Amino acid sequence: MEKEEVLKKIDQDVKANKIVIYMKGNADSPRCGFSAQAVDAVKRLGYPFKTFDVLEDEGLWNHLEDYSNWPTFPQVFIGGQFVGGCDIVTQMYEKGELQQLAKSACEGAAK
C-alpha cells in the first residue's frame, strides 16, 4: 500500500473505533512487554477496543509514525486522538486520567 493509502486507513480506523491500540501482537497475544502493559491498562477501562498488529502490517509499521508523530509501539488512540505509548497510558491510568478520557469518548458519544 502507498503511504497516503495507509495514512487514510489509519485515520478511518482511529475515527471508527473509540479506543484503538497499534501494537506488537494483539490483545490476546501481545508480542512485547510494552504492548502487554498498554493492553492491560486499556482492558481495565472496561470498554471495547480494537487492536492492530504492526508486525503483521508493513504499511502500519512504516507509516504510523507519520500519522501520530510518535516513534514507538504501542500507540493508543482514544476518541480519535493520539494519547501516547505505554508509559504515558500507564501513568494516565494510575492518575485516573485515562478512565476519564475513555468515559468521555465512549459514553459521551452514546448520549
Protein backbone atom coordinates (compact mmCIF):
# COMPACT_ATOMS: atom_id res chain seq x y z
CA MET A 1 0.00 0.00 0.00
CA GLU A 2 1.15 3.52 -0.71
CA LYS A 3 1.86 5.85 2.19
CA GLU A 4 -1.22 8.03 1.56
CA GLU A 5 -3.47 4.95 1.45
CA VAL A 6 -2.02 3.70 4.75
CA LEU A 7 -2.48 7.09 6.42
CA LYS A 8 -6.08 7.26 5.19
CA LYS A 9 -6.76 3.75 6.54
CA ILE A 10 -5.25 4.65 9.92
CA ASP A 11 -7.39 7.79 10.07
CA GLN A 12 -10.53 5.80 9.24
CA ASP A 13 -9.75 3.14 11.86
CA VAL A 14 -8.96 5.69 14.58
CA LYS A 15 -12.19 7.58 13.88
CA ALA A 16 -14.35 4.44 13.56
CA ASN A 17 -13.29 2.97 16.93
CA LYS A 18 -13.47 4.74 20.28
CA ILE A 19 -10.27 3.08 21.54
CA VAL A 20 -7.51 1.75 19.29
CA ILE A 21 -4.12 0.26 20.10
CA TYR A 22 -1.47 -0.17 17.42
CA MET A 23 0.80 -2.75 18.96
CA LYS A 24 3.11 -5.69 18.52
CA GLY A 25 0.74 -8.64 18.57
CA ASN A 26 -2.90 -8.40 19.60
CA ALA A 27 -4.93 -8.11 22.78
CA ASP A 28 -4.97 -11.88 23.31
CA SER A 29 -1.32 -12.38 22.46
CA PRO A 30 0.87 -9.29 22.90
CA ARG A 31 4.34 -9.81 21.46
CA CYS A 32 6.23 -7.38 23.69
CA GLY A 33 6.03 -6.29 27.29
CA PHE A 34 5.14 -2.69 26.48
CA SER A 35 2.23 -3.78 24.31
CA ALA A 36 1.06 -6.16 27.05
CA GLN A 37 1.19 -3.36 29.64
CA ALA A 38 -0.80 -0.97 27.42
CA VAL A 39 -3.42 -3.64 26.69
CA ASP A 40 -3.72 -4.37 30.42
CA ALA A 41 -4.39 -0.70 31.21
CA VAL A 42 -6.95 -0.40 28.41
CA LYS A 43 -8.68 -3.67 29.36
CA ARG A 44 -9.12 -2.35 32.91
CA LEU A 45 -11.10 0.57 31.49
CA GLY A 46 -13.91 -1.85 30.66
CA TYR A 47 -14.70 -0.51 27.19
CA PRO A 48 -14.40 -2.34 23.88
CA PHE A 49 -11.26 -1.57 21.94
CA LYS A 50 -9.64 -2.55 18.66
CA THR A 51 -6.03 -3.62 18.16
CA PHE A 52 -3.90 -3.63 15.04
CA ASP A 53 -0.73 -5.72 14.84
CA VAL A 54 2.09 -3.61 13.38
CA LEU A 55 4.25 -6.73 12.99
CA GLU A 56 1.71 -8.19 10.54
CA ASP A 57 1.22 -4.99 8.53
CA GLU A 58 4.28 -3.44 6.93
CA GLY A 59 2.34 -0.30 6.00
CA LEU A 60 1.44 0.34 9.62
CA TRP A 61 4.99 -0.39 10.73
CA ASN A 62 6.39 2.06 8.18
CA HIS A 63 3.86 4.90 8.33
CA LEU A 64 2.09 5.03 11.70
CA GLU A 65 4.78 7.40 12.99
CA ASP A 66 3.89 9.79 10.16
CA TYR A 67 0.29 9.82 11.42
CA SER A 68 0.95 10.17 15.15
CA ASN A 69 4.40 11.79 15.29
CA TRP A 70 5.32 9.05 17.78
CA PRO A 71 8.25 6.73 17.01
CA THR A 72 7.50 3.65 19.13
CA PHE A 73 4.83 1.00 19.71
CA PRO A 74 2.33 0.59 21.21
CA GLN A 75 0.33 3.66 20.27
CA VAL A 76 -3.03 4.27 21.94
CA PHE A 77 -5.79 6.43 20.47
CA ILE A 78 -8.95 7.34 22.36
CA GLY A 79 -11.82 9.29 20.91
CA GLY A 80 -9.94 9.80 17.66
CA GLN A 81 -6.96 11.41 19.37
CA PHE A 82 -3.48 10.07 19.97
CA VAL A 83 -2.93 9.54 23.70
CA GLY A 84 0.57 8.09 23.86
CA GLY A 85 2.62 4.99 24.29
CA CYS A 86 2.94 2.52 27.13
CA ASP A 87 4.47 4.84 29.75
CA ILE A 88 2.03 7.69 29.15
CA VAL A 89 -1.01 5.40 29.11
CA THR A 90 0.13 3.67 32.31
CA GLN A 91 0.78 6.99 34.09
CA MET A 92 -2.58 8.37 32.96
CA TYR A 93 -4.32 5.23 34.22
CA GLU A 94 -2.61 5.49 37.62
CA LYS A 95 -3.75 9.13 37.93
CA GLY A 96 -7.31 8.32 36.83
CA GLU A 97 -6.94 10.45 33.70
CA LEU A 98 -7.24 7.58 31.23
CA GLN A 99 -10.51 6.46 32.82
CA GLN A 100 -11.98 9.95 32.39
CA LEU A 101 -10.79 10.21 28.80
CA ALA A 102 -12.23 6.80 27.91
CA LYS A 103 -15.53 7.53 29.69
CA SER A 104 -15.90 10.80 27.82
CA ALA A 105 -15.10 9.16 24.46
CA CYS A 106 -17.15 6.01 24.96
CA GLU A 107 -20.12 7.18 26.97
CA GLY A 108 -20.26 10.80 25.90
CA ALA A 109 -20.81 9.82 22.30
CA ALA A 110 -23.59 7.40 23.23
CA LYS A 111 -25.78 10.12 24.71
